[in-house]
Amino acid sequence: MLYSVESAHALLKRYITSSQGDLLTTWLQIRQAVSSQIENIKANAAKERIQTPLHLNRLQYQACFGHITNTALRLADLNYQSAEKLLKPCTGVFKRTTGLPCAHRIDDIRYAKESLYPSDFH
């Protein structure tokens, strides 16, 4: 946690050129820093969507490639792999709290030999 605060502080210091600036100038520099960060996040997410992860079951995730980030696909698969194989009834909590498909949905997809869809992710 401390590292992310220090990192954010260093980023702002790069954009704020002077400690003697007026409030408007400082605000505009902070806005530029935040806008730059948002653009970087969008670019990284787009780049990640282009790559096809090799460790995932292609049939199971085929419709998601190019639409869902590899991180989200990996986390959904990791949740499925770590779930007990005799699944308890689905409560929907995992999907609501993470935005990822639950182990029940992935199990149903595997059994039907189909693919998850981008709509399965929030």
N, C-alpha and C. Protein backbone atom coordinates (compact mmCIF):
# COMPACT_ATOMS: atom_id res chain seq x y z
N MET A 1 0.83 -1.18 0.00
CA MET A 1 0.00 0.00 0.00
C MET A 1 0.88 1.25 0.00
N LEU A 2 1.89 1.25 0.83
CA LEU A 2 2.77 2.41 0.93
C LEU A 2 3.46 2.67 -0.41
N TYR A 3 3.83 1.58 -1.11
CA TYR A 3 4.50 1.73 -2.39
C TYR A 3 3.61 2.45 -3.39
N SER A 4 2.32 2.12 -3.43
CA SER A 4 1.42 2.77 -4.40
C SER A 4 1.24 4.25 -4.07
N VAL A 5 1.23 4.60 -2.79
CA VAL A 5 1.11 6.01 -2.40
C VAL A 5 2.37 6.76 -2.84
N GLU A 6 3.54 6.16 -2.58
CA GLU A 6 4.80 6.79 -2.98
C GLU A 6 4.86 6.94 -4.50
N SER A 7 4.39 5.94 -5.20
CA SER A 7 4.40 5.97 -6.66
C SER A 7 3.49 7.09 -7.19
N ALA A 8 2.31 7.22 -6.60
CA ALA A 8 1.38 8.28 -7.01
C ALA A 8 1.97 9.66 -6.70
N HIS A 9 2.63 9.77 -5.57
CA HIS A 9 3.26 11.04 -5.20
C HIS A 9 4.36 11.40 -6.19
N ALA A 10 5.19 10.43 -6.56
CA ALA A 10 6.26 10.68 -7.52
C ALA A 10 5.69 11.09 -8.88
N LEU A 11 4.60 10.46 -9.29
CA LEU A 11 3.96 10.81 -10.56
C LEU A 11 3.49 12.26 -10.54
N LEU A 12 2.83 12.68 -9.48
CA LEU A 12 2.35 14.05 -9.39
C LEU A 12 3.51 15.05 -9.39
N LYS A 13 4.59 14.70 -8.72
CA LYS A 13 5.74 15.60 -8.68
C LYS A 13 6.34 15.80 -10.07
N ARG A 14 6.25 14.77 -10.92
CA ARG A 14 6.76 14.91 -12.29
C ARG A 14 5.92 15.89 -13.10
N TYR A 15 4.62 15.94 -12.83
CA TYR A 15 3.74 16.82 -13.59
C TYR A 15 3.66 18.23 -13.00
N ILE A 16 3.79 18.36 -11.70
CA ILE A 16 3.75 19.69 -11.07
C ILE A 16 5.16 20.25 -11.11
N THR A 17 5.34 21.22 -11.95
CA THR A 17 6.69 21.71 -12.26
C THR A 17 7.26 22.65 -11.21
N SER A 18 6.41 23.28 -10.41
CA SER A 18 6.91 24.25 -9.43
C SER A 18 6.04 24.23 -8.18
N SER A 19 6.67 24.36 -7.04
CA SER A 19 5.91 24.43 -5.79
C SER A 19 5.37 25.83 -5.56
N GLN A 20 5.71 26.77 -6.42
CA GLN A 20 5.29 28.16 -6.27
C GLN A 20 4.13 28.53 -7.20
N GLY A 21 3.57 27.54 -7.90
CA GLY A 21 2.51 27.83 -8.87
C GLY A 21 1.19 28.19 -8.21
N ASP A 22 0.33 28.84 -8.98
CA ASP A 22 -0.99 29.18 -8.46
C ASP A 22 -1.89 27.94 -8.50
N LEU A 23 -3.04 28.02 -7.86
CA LEU A 23 -3.95 26.90 -7.71
C LEU A 23 -4.45 26.38 -9.06
N LEU A 24 -4.79 27.28 -9.98
CA LEU A 24 -5.29 26.87 -11.28
C LEU A 24 -4.23 26.09 -12.06
N THR A 25 -3.01 26.59 -12.08
CA THR A 25 -1.93 25.90 -12.78
C THR A 25 -1.69 24.53 -12.19
N THR A 26 -1.67 24.45 -10.88
CA THR A 26 -1.46 23.16 -10.20
C THR A 26 -2.60 22.20 -10.52
N TRP A 27 -3.83 22.70 -10.49
CA TRP A 27 -4.98 21.86 -10.80
C TRP A 27 -4.89 21.33 -12.23
N LEU A 28 -4.53 22.17 -13.17
CA LEU A 28 -4.40 21.73 -14.56
C LEU A 28 -3.30 20.68 -14.72
N GLN A 29 -2.21 20.82 -13.98
CA GLN A 29 -1.13 19.84 -14.06
C GLN A 29 -1.55 18.51 -13.44
N ILE A 30 -2.31 18.55 -12.36
CA ILE A 30 -2.83 17.32 -11.76
C ILE A 30 -3.81 16.66 -12.71
N ARG A 31 -4.66 17.44 -13.34
CA ARG A 31 -5.62 16.89 -14.30
C ARG A 31 -4.90 16.23 -15.46
N GLN A 32 -3.82 16.83 -15.92
CA GLN A 32 -3.03 16.24 -16.99
C GLN A 32 -2.40 14.92 -16.55
N ALA A 33 -1.92 14.86 -15.31
CA ALA A 33 -1.32 13.63 -14.78
C ALA A 33 -2.36 12.51 -14.72
N VAL A 34 -3.54 12.82 -14.23
CA VAL A 34 -4.61 11.82 -14.13
C VAL A 34 -5.05 11.37 -15.51
N SER A 35 -5.20 12.30 -16.44
CA SER A 35 -5.58 11.95 -17.82
C SER A 35 -4.54 11.04 -18.46
N SER A 36 -3.28 11.33 -18.21
CA SER A 36 -2.20 10.51 -18.74
C SER A 36 -2.27 9.10 -18.17
N GLN A 37 -2.54 8.98 -16.88
CA GLN A 37 -2.65 7.67 -16.24
C GLN A 37 -3.82 6.88 -16.83
N ILE A 38 -4.94 7.54 -17.04
CA ILE A 38 -6.12 6.87 -17.61
C ILE A 38 -5.80 6.36 -19.01
N GLU A 39 -5.14 7.18 -19.82
CA GLU A 39 -4.77 6.75 -21.18
C GLU A 39 -3.81 5.57 -21.14
N ASN A 40 -2.86 5.57 -20.20
CA ASN A 40 -1.94 4.44 -20.07
C ASN A 40 -2.68 3.16 -19.69
N ILE A 41 -3.62 3.28 -18.78
CA ILE A 41 -4.40 2.11 -18.37
C ILE A 41 -5.21 1.57 -19.55
N LYS A 42 -5.84 2.45 -20.30
CA LYS A 42 -6.62 2.03 -21.47
C LYS A 42 -5.72 1.36 -22.52
N ALA A 43 -4.55 1.93 -22.75
CA ALA A 43 -3.63 1.37 -23.74
C ALA A 43 -3.13 0.00 -23.30
N ASN A 44 -2.80 -0.14 -22.03
CA ASN A 44 -2.34 -1.44 -21.53
C ASN A 44 -3.43 -2.49 -21.60
N ALA A 45 -4.67 -2.12 -21.28
CA ALA A 45 -5.78 -3.06 -21.36
C ALA A 45 -6.03 -3.48 -22.80
N ALA A 46 -5.95 -2.53 -23.74
CA ALA A 46 -6.14 -2.85 -25.16
C ALA A 46 -5.04 -3.79 -25.65
N LYS A 47 -3.81 -3.52 -25.23
CA LYS A 47 -2.69 -4.37 -25.63
C LYS A 47 -2.85 -5.77 -25.06
N GLU A 48 -3.34 -5.86 -23.84
CA GLU A 48 -3.52 -7.16 -23.20
C GLU A 48 -4.63 -7.96 -23.89
N ARG A 49 -5.66 -7.27 -24.39
CA ARG A 49 -6.76 -7.98 -25.07
C ARG A 49 -6.30 -8.59 -26.39
N ILE A 50 -5.28 -8.01 -27.00
CA ILE A 50 -4.79 -8.51 -28.29
C ILE A 50 -4.07 -9.84 -28.12
N GLN A 51 -3.36 -10.00 -27.01
CA GLN A 51 -2.60 -11.22 -26.77
C GLN A 51 -3.53 -12.36 -26.38
N THR A 52 -3.24 -13.54 -26.89
CA THR A 52 -4.01 -14.73 -26.56
C THR A 52 -3.23 -15.56 -25.56
N PRO A 53 -3.77 -15.76 -24.36
CA PRO A 53 -3.04 -16.55 -23.37
C PRO A 53 -2.99 -18.02 -23.78
N LEU A 54 -1.83 -18.62 -23.64
CA LEU A 54 -1.64 -19.99 -24.08
C LEU A 54 -2.05 -21.02 -23.03
N HIS A 55 -2.09 -20.63 -21.77
CA HIS A 55 -2.35 -21.57 -20.70
C HIS A 55 -3.83 -21.84 -20.45
N LEU A 56 -4.72 -21.14 -21.13
CA LEU A 56 -6.16 -21.32 -20.92
C LEU A 56 -6.75 -22.28 -21.94
N ASN A 57 -7.82 -22.94 -21.55
CA ASN A 57 -8.56 -23.83 -22.43
C ASN A 57 -9.19 -22.99 -23.55
N ARG A 58 -8.71 -23.16 -24.76
CA ARG A 58 -9.16 -22.33 -25.89
C ARG A 58 -10.66 -22.46 -26.15
N LEU A 59 -11.19 -23.65 -26.07
CA LEU A 59 -12.61 -23.85 -26.32
C LEU A 59 -13.45 -23.11 -25.29
N GLN A 60 -13.02 -23.17 -24.05
CA GLN A 60 -13.77 -22.60 -22.95
C GLN A 60 -13.80 -21.07 -22.97
N TYR A 61 -12.73 -20.44 -23.47
CA TYR A 61 -12.63 -18.98 -23.44
C TYR A 61 -12.59 -18.35 -24.84
N GLN A 62 -12.81 -19.11 -25.86
CA GLN A 62 -12.65 -18.68 -27.26
C GLN A 62 -13.40 -17.38 -27.58
N ALA A 63 -14.63 -17.26 -27.17
CA ALA A 63 -15.42 -16.07 -27.51
C ALA A 63 -14.97 -14.82 -26.74
N CYS A 64 -14.16 -15.00 -25.71
CA CYS A 64 -13.70 -13.87 -24.89
C CYS A 64 -12.39 -13.27 -25.38
N PHE A 65 -11.62 -14.05 -26.15
CA PHE A 65 -10.33 -13.56 -26.63
C PHE A 65 -10.55 -12.30 -27.47
N GLY A 66 -9.80 -11.27 -27.17
CA GLY A 66 -9.91 -10.01 -27.89
C GLY A 66 -10.92 -9.05 -27.27
N HIS A 67 -11.69 -9.53 -26.29
CA HIS A 67 -12.69 -8.68 -25.65
C HIS A 67 -12.45 -8.51 -24.15
N ILE A 68 -11.96 -9.56 -23.52
CA ILE A 68 -11.73 -9.58 -22.08
C ILE A 68 -10.23 -9.64 -21.83
N THR A 69 -9.74 -8.90 -20.85
CA THR A 69 -8.31 -8.88 -20.58
C THR A 69 -7.84 -10.26 -20.10
N ASN A 70 -6.57 -10.54 -20.36
CA ASN A 70 -5.99 -11.80 -19.93
C ASN A 70 -6.03 -11.94 -18.42
N THR A 71 -5.89 -10.85 -17.73
CA THR A 71 -5.93 -10.88 -16.26
C THR A 71 -7.29 -11.38 -15.77
N ALA A 72 -8.37 -10.87 -16.33
CA ALA A 72 -9.71 -11.30 -15.93
C ALA A 72 -9.92 -12.78 -16.29
N LEU A 73 -9.47 -13.19 -17.47
CA LEU A 73 -9.59 -14.60 -17.85
C LEU A 73 -8.80 -15.50 -16.90
N ARG A 74 -7.59 -15.07 -16.57
CA ARG A 74 -6.74 -15.86 -15.68
C ARG A 74 -7.36 -15.96 -14.29
N LEU A 75 -7.90 -14.86 -13.77
CA LEU A 75 -8.51 -14.87 -12.45
C LEU A 75 -9.75 -15.77 -12.41
N ALA A 76 -10.56 -15.74 -13.46
CA ALA A 76 -11.73 -16.62 -13.52
C ALA A 76 -11.30 -18.08 -13.54
N ASP A 77 -10.29 -18.38 -14.34
CA ASP A 77 -9.80 -19.75 -14.43
C ASP A 77 -9.17 -20.19 -13.10
N LEU A 78 -8.43 -19.31 -12.46
CA LEU A 78 -7.81 -19.61 -11.17
C LEU A 78 -8.87 -19.91 -10.12
N ASN A 79 -9.96 -19.14 -10.12
CA ASN A 79 -11.05 -19.40 -9.18
C ASN A 79 -11.66 -20.77 -9.45
N TYR A 80 -11.84 -21.11 -10.71
CA TYR A 80 -12.41 -22.42 -11.04
C TYR A 80 -11.48 -23.54 -10.61
N GLN A 81 -10.18 -23.39 -10.87
CA GLN A 81 -9.21 -24.43 -10.52
C GLN A 81 -9.12 -24.62 -9.01
N SER A 82 -9.28 -23.55 -8.24
CA SER A 82 -9.15 -23.66 -6.79
C SER A 82 -10.45 -24.05 -6.09
N ALA A 83 -11.56 -24.05 -6.81
CA ALA A 83 -12.85 -24.41 -6.21
C ALA A 83 -12.90 -25.91 -5.96
N GLU A 84 -13.65 -26.28 -4.93
CA GLU A 84 -13.86 -27.70 -4.67
C GLU A 84 -14.61 -28.30 -5.85
N LYS A 85 -14.25 -29.50 -6.20
CA LYS A 85 -14.87 -30.11 -7.39
C LYS A 85 -16.34 -30.50 -7.16
N LEU A 86 -16.73 -30.74 -5.92
CA LEU A 86 -18.15 -30.92 -5.63
C LEU A 86 -18.68 -29.56 -5.19
N LEU A 87 -19.18 -28.83 -6.15
CA LEU A 87 -19.60 -27.45 -5.89
C LEU A 87 -20.89 -27.39 -5.09
N LYS A 88 -20.90 -26.49 -4.12
CA LYS A 88 -22.12 -26.22 -3.36
C LYS A 88 -23.05 -25.40 -4.26
N PRO A 89 -24.33 -25.30 -3.94
CA PRO A 89 -25.24 -24.50 -4.76
C PRO A 89 -24.73 -23.06 -4.93
N CYS A 90 -24.94 -22.51 -6.09
CA CYS A 90 -24.47 -21.17 -6.41
C CYS A 90 -25.31 -20.12 -5.70
N THR A 91 -24.62 -19.17 -5.06
CA THR A 91 -25.31 -18.06 -4.39
C THR A 91 -25.23 -16.78 -5.23
N GLY A 92 -24.35 -16.77 -6.23
CA GLY A 92 -24.18 -15.59 -7.07
C GLY A 92 -23.30 -14.52 -6.47
N VAL A 93 -22.76 -14.75 -5.26
CA VAL A 93 -21.95 -13.75 -4.58
C VAL A 93 -20.65 -13.49 -5.33
N PHE A 94 -19.99 -14.53 -5.81
CA PHE A 94 -18.71 -14.35 -6.50
C PHE A 94 -18.88 -13.45 -7.73
N LYS A 95 -19.88 -13.71 -8.53
CA LYS A 95 -20.14 -12.91 -9.74
C LYS A 95 -20.45 -11.45 -9.38
N ARG A 96 -21.28 -11.27 -8.35
CA ARG A 96 -21.67 -9.90 -7.96
C ARG A 96 -20.49 -9.12 -7.37
N THR A 97 -19.61 -9.78 -6.65
CA THR A 97 -18.53 -9.06 -5.99
C THR A 97 -17.29 -8.87 -6.86
N THR A 98 -17.05 -9.78 -7.80
CA THR A 98 -15.84 -9.68 -8.62
C THR A 98 -16.11 -9.31 -10.07
N GLY A 99 -17.31 -9.58 -10.56
CA GLY A 99 -17.61 -9.34 -11.97
C GLY A 99 -17.11 -10.46 -12.87
N LEU A 100 -16.60 -11.53 -12.26
CA LEU A 100 -16.08 -12.67 -13.01
C LEU A 100 -17.08 -13.82 -12.95
N PRO A 101 -17.08 -14.70 -13.95
CA PRO A 101 -17.98 -15.85 -13.88
C PRO A 101 -17.56 -16.79 -12.74
N CYS A 102 -18.54 -17.32 -12.04
CA CYS A 102 -18.25 -18.20 -10.91
C CYS A 102 -17.87 -19.60 -11.41
N ALA A 103 -17.40 -20.40 -10.48
CA ALA A 103 -16.99 -21.77 -10.81
C ALA A 103 -18.16 -22.58 -11.35
N HIS A 104 -19.37 -22.30 -10.89
CA HIS A 104 -20.56 -23.01 -11.38
C HIS A 104 -20.78 -22.76 -12.87
N ARG A 105 -20.67 -21.50 -13.26
CA ARG A 105 -20.85 -21.13 -14.68
C ARG A 105 -19.76 -21.76 -15.54
N ILE A 106 -18.52 -21.71 -15.06
CA ILE A 106 -17.42 -22.30 -15.82
C ILE A 106 -17.59 -23.81 -15.91
N ASP A 107 -18.05 -24.44 -14.83
CA ASP A 107 -18.29 -25.89 -14.83
C ASP A 107 -19.38 -26.24 -15.86
N ASP A 108 -20.44 -25.44 -15.90
CA ASP A 108 -21.51 -25.68 -16.88
C ASP A 108 -20.97 -25.54 -18.31
N ILE A 109 -20.14 -24.53 -18.55
CA ILE A 109 -19.56 -24.31 -19.87
C ILE A 109 -18.68 -25.50 -20.27
N ARG A 110 -17.86 -25.96 -19.34
CA ARG A 110 -16.98 -27.10 -19.64
C ARG A 110 -17.80 -28.34 -19.96
N TYR A 111 -18.84 -28.58 -19.18
CA TYR A 111 -19.68 -29.77 -19.40
C TYR A 111 -20.36 -29.71 -20.76
N ALA A 112 -20.81 -28.53 -21.16
CA ALA A 112 -21.50 -28.36 -22.45
C ALA A 112 -20.53 -28.22 -23.61
N LYS A 113 -19.22 -28.16 -23.32
CA LYS A 113 -18.19 -27.97 -24.34
C LYS A 113 -18.47 -26.72 -25.18
N GLU A 114 -18.80 -25.63 -24.48
CA GLU A 114 -19.06 -24.34 -25.11
C GLU A 114 -18.01 -23.34 -24.65
N SER A 115 -18.27 -22.07 -24.93
CA SER A 115 -17.35 -21.01 -24.54
C SER A 115 -18.06 -20.00 -23.65
N LEU A 116 -17.31 -19.43 -22.73
CA LEU A 116 -17.82 -18.27 -22.00
C LEU A 116 -17.93 -17.12 -22.98
N TYR A 117 -18.77 -16.15 -22.68
CA TYR A 117 -18.94 -14.98 -23.53
C TYR A 117 -18.54 -13.72 -22.76
N PRO A 118 -18.22 -12.66 -23.47
CA PRO A 118 -17.88 -11.41 -22.78
C PRO A 118 -18.99 -10.97 -21.83
N SER A 119 -20.23 -11.30 -22.12
CA SER A 119 -21.34 -10.93 -21.23
C SER A 119 -21.28 -11.66 -19.90
N ASP A 120 -20.49 -12.72 -19.81
CA ASP A 120 -20.31 -13.44 -18.54
C ASP A 120 -19.42 -12.66 -17.58
N PHE A 121 -18.72 -11.63 -18.11
CA PHE A 121 -17.84 -10.80 -17.31
C PHE A 121 -18.45 -9.42 -17.17
N HIS A 122 -18.24 -8.78 -16.04
CA HIS A 122 -18.76 -7.41 -15.85
C HIS A 122 -17.67 -6.44 -16.26
